[in-house]
C-alpha atoms as a PDB file:
ATOM      1  CA  MET A   1       7.044  -4.156  12.134  1.00  0.00           C
ATOM      2  CA  LYS A   2       7.378  -1.268   9.819  1.00  0.00           C
ATOM      3  CA  ILE A   3       6.183   2.236  10.720  1.00  0.00           C
ATOM      4  CA  GLU A   4       6.062   4.967   8.168  1.00  0.00           C
ATOM      5  CA  VAL A   5       6.694   8.313   9.604  1.00  0.00           C
ATOM      6  CA  ILE A   6       4.789  11.103   7.755  1.00  0.00           C
ATOM      7  CA  HIS A   7       5.416  14.825   8.567  1.00  0.00           C
ATOM      8  CA  ALA A   8       2.384  17.058   8.035  1.00  0.00           C
ATOM      9  CA  ALA A   9       2.031  19.378  10.998  1.00  0.00           C
ATOM     10  CA  PHE A  10       4.017  22.189   9.584  1.00  0.00           C
ATOM     11  CA  GLU A  11       3.914  21.349   5.809  1.00  0.00           C
ATOM     12  CA  ASP A  12       1.677  22.361   3.002  1.00  0.00           C
ATOM     13  CA  THR A  13       2.039  18.768   1.553  1.00  0.00           C
ATOM     14  CA  ALA A  14       2.489  15.667   3.695  1.00  0.00           C
ATOM     15  CA  GLU A  15       5.996  14.045   3.203  1.00  0.00           C
ATOM     16  CA  HIS A  16       6.921  10.550   3.991  1.00  0.00           C
ATOM     17  CA  MET A  17      10.210  11.144   6.022  1.00  0.00           C
ATOM     18  CA  ALA A  18      11.211   7.697   7.371  1.00  0.00           C
ATOM     19  CA  ASN A  19      10.574   3.945   7.966  1.00  0.00           C
ATOM     20  CA  VAL A  20      11.172   2.757  11.444  1.00  0.00           C
ATOM     21  CA  THR A  21      11.525  -1.018  12.078  1.00  0.00           C
ATOM     22  CA  ALA A  22      10.244  -1.951  15.432  1.00  0.00           C
ATOM     23  CA  ASP A  23      10.482  -5.382  17.117  1.00  0.00           C
ATOM     24  CA  ASP A  24       7.522  -7.586  16.122  1.00  0.00           C
ATOM     25  CA  ARG A  25       6.950  -8.344  19.795  1.00  0.00           C
ATOM     26  CA  MET A  26       5.899  -4.893  20.575  1.00  0.00           C
ATOM     27  CA  GLY A  27       2.324  -3.872  20.537  1.00  0.00           C
ATOM     28  CA  VAL A  28       1.143  -1.141  18.079  1.00  0.00           C
ATOM     29  CA  MET A  29       1.237   1.829  20.474  1.00  0.00           C
ATOM     30  CA  GLU A  30       4.756   0.669  21.854  1.00  0.00           C
ATOM     31  CA  ALA A  31       5.929   0.602  18.228  1.00  0.00           C
ATOM     32  CA  LEU A  32       4.495   4.013  17.509  1.00  0.00           C
ATOM     33  CA  GLU A  33       6.279   5.246  20.774  1.00  0.00           C
ATOM     34  CA  TYR A  34       9.625   3.722  19.604  1.00  0.00           C
ATOM     35  CA  ALA A  35       9.156   5.421  16.024  1.00  0.00           C
ATOM     36  CA  TYR A  36       8.350   8.692  17.697  1.00  0.00           C
ATOM     37  CA  ARG A  37      11.446   8.661  20.041  1.00  0.00           C
ATOM     38  CA  TRP A  38      13.808   7.803  17.309  1.00  0.00           C
ATOM     39  CA  THR A  39      12.573  10.407  14.865  1.00  0.00           C
ATOM     40  CA  ASN A  40      13.075  13.285  17.424  1.00  0.00           C
ATOM     41  CA  ASN A  41      16.191  15.362  17.773  1.00  0.00           C
ATOM     42  CA  VAL A  42      17.131  14.799  21.319  1.00  0.00           C
ATOM     43  CA  ALA A  43      20.723  14.229  21.545  1.00  0.00           C
ATOM     44  CA  GLY A  44      21.916  14.943  17.922  1.00  0.00           C
ATOM     45  CA  SER A  45      20.010  14.380  14.646  1.00  0.00           C
ATOM     46  CA  TRP A  46      17.877  11.359  14.030  1.00  0.00           C
ATOM     47  CA  SER A  47      18.183  11.998  10.280  1.00  0.00           C
ATOM     48  CA  ARG A  48      21.948  12.723   9.850  1.00  0.00           C
ATOM     49  CA  THR A  49      24.237   9.702   9.775  1.00  0.00           C
ATOM     50  CA  ASP A  50      27.502  11.775   9.341  1.00  0.00           C
ATOM     51  CA  LEU A  51      27.599  13.249  12.716  1.00  0.00           C
ATOM     52  CA  GLU A  52      30.016  11.805  15.412  1.00  0.00           C
ATOM     53  CA  ASP A  53      28.728  11.023  18.858  1.00  0.00           C
ATOM     54  CA  ASN A  54      25.266  11.266  17.557  1.00  0.00           C
ATOM     55  CA  GLY A  55      22.912  10.182  20.306  1.00  0.00           C
ATOM     56  CA  ASP A  56      19.921  10.037  18.035  1.00  0.00           C
ATOM     57  CA  ALA A  57      21.276   7.716  15.474  1.00  0.00           C
ATOM     58  CA  ASN A  58      19.489   4.362  15.162  1.00  0.00           C
ATOM     59  CA  ASP A  59      19.892   1.589  12.668  1.00  0.00           C
ATOM     60  CA  ASP A  60      16.235   0.915  12.894  1.00  0.00           C
ATOM     61  CA  VAL A  61      15.605   4.328  11.204  1.00  0.00           C
ATOM     62  CA  GLU A  62      15.642   4.556   7.363  1.00  0.00           C
ATOM     63  CA  VAL A  63      15.548   8.047   6.343  1.00  0.00           C
ATOM     64  CA  VAL A  64      13.355   8.241   3.185  1.00  0.00           C
ATOM     65  CA  LYS A  65      13.438  12.027   2.316  1.00  0.00           C
ATOM     66  CA  PRO A  66      16.909  13.427   1.396  1.00  0.00           C
ATOM     67  CA  VAL A  67      18.558  15.262   4.153  1.00  0.00           C
ATOM     68  CA  GLY A  68      19.855  18.679   3.963  1.00  0.00           C
ATOM     69  CA  ASP A  69      22.670  20.392   6.023  1.00  0.00           C
ATOM     70  CA  LEU A  70      20.439  20.931   9.170  1.00  0.00           C
ATOM     71  CA  GLY A  71      18.581  17.459   8.980  1.00  0.00           C
ATOM     72  CA  HIS A  72      14.998  16.907   9.347  1.00  0.00           C
ATOM     73  CA  ARG A  73      12.797  18.326  12.070  1.00  0.00           C
ATOM     74  CA  SER A  74      11.445  16.203  14.894  1.00  0.00           C
ATOM     75  CA  THR A  75       8.343  14.356  14.614  1.00  0.00           C
ATOM     76  CA  SER A  76       5.541  16.627  16.255  1.00  0.00           C
ATOM     77  CA  VAL A  77       1.939  16.663  17.303  1.00  0.00           C
ATOM     78  CA  GLY A  78      -0.043  16.759  14.104  1.00  0.00           C
ATOM     79  CA  ASP A  79       2.245  14.370  12.236  1.00  0.00           C
ATOM     80  CA  TYR A  80       1.240  10.814  11.254  1.00  0.00           C
ATOM     81  CA  MET A  81       2.419   7.359  11.474  1.00  0.00           C
ATOM     82  CA  ARG A  82       1.181   4.260   9.488  1.00  0.00           C
ATOM     83  CA  VAL A  83       1.620   0.796  10.836  1.00  0.00           C
ATOM     84  CA  ASP A  84       0.016  -2.389   9.504  1.00  0.00           C
ATOM     85  CA  GLY A  85      -2.195  -0.248   7.175  1.00  0.00           C
ATOM     86  CA  SER A  86      -3.617   1.880  10.013  1.00  0.00           C
ATOM     87  CA  LEU A  87      -3.089   5.488  10.130  1.00  0.00           C
ATOM     88  CA  TYR A  88      -2.378   7.301  13.486  1.00  0.00           C
ATOM     89  CA  ARG A  89      -2.031  10.942  14.194  1.00  0.00           C
ATOM     90  CA  VAL A  90       0.513  12.212  16.838  1.00  0.00           C
ATOM     91  CA  ALA A  91      -1.555  13.627  19.582  1.00  0.00           C
ATOM     92  CA  MET A  92      -0.702  15.836  22.625  1.00  0.00           C
ATOM     93  CA  ALA A  93      -0.462  12.653  24.509  1.00  0.00           C
ATOM     94  CA  GLY A  94       0.116   9.512  22.545  1.00  0.00           C
ATOM     95  CA  PHE A  95      -1.565   8.645  19.195  1.00  0.00           C
ATOM     96  CA  GLU A  96      -5.083   8.620  17.820  1.00  0.00           C
ATOM     97  CA  PRO A  97      -6.535   6.809  14.949  1.00  0.00           C
ATOM     98  CA  ALA A  98      -6.933   8.795  11.889  1.00  0.00           C
ATOM     99  CA  ASP A  99      -8.666   8.214   8.582  1.00  0.00           C
ATOM    100  CA  VAL A 100      -6.959  11.017   6.390  1.00  0.00           C
ATOM    101  CA  ILE A 101      -3.941  13.059   6.605  1.00  0.00           C
ATOM    102  CA  THR A 102      -4.474  16.746   6.874  1.00  0.00           C
ATOM    103  CA  THR A 103      -1.910  19.503   6.496  1.00  0.00           C
ATOM    104  CA  ARG A 104      -1.885  23.294   7.005  1.00  0.00           C
ATOM    105  CA  LYS A 105      -2.893  23.532   3.347  1.00  0.00           C
ATOM    106  CA  SER A 106      -6.063  21.293   3.770  1.00  0.00           C
ATOM    107  CA  ILE A 107      -7.220  23.033   6.927  1.00  0.00           C
END
């Protein structure tokens, strides 16, 4: 299943950052957790493919937005993910269903 990762927590305009392909045998929440993990900078950079020994590189992640020298920030609370047509907001613990994407500018 494909998960769209949308950064909106610190942005004035929401940005589609990546698509993550999760195993179709995963449930939705497990797939969201998978996408969250692999769009975080834990042991390298999830968005930079030019780094040696990059512990955050994952072939299941397709970077959609062009990457600068520093790479993209980690997915954070307040960002969004879309899977199977349903939108979810990254919450303090897990994910919550969402109807619309809000950004700093729309608050």
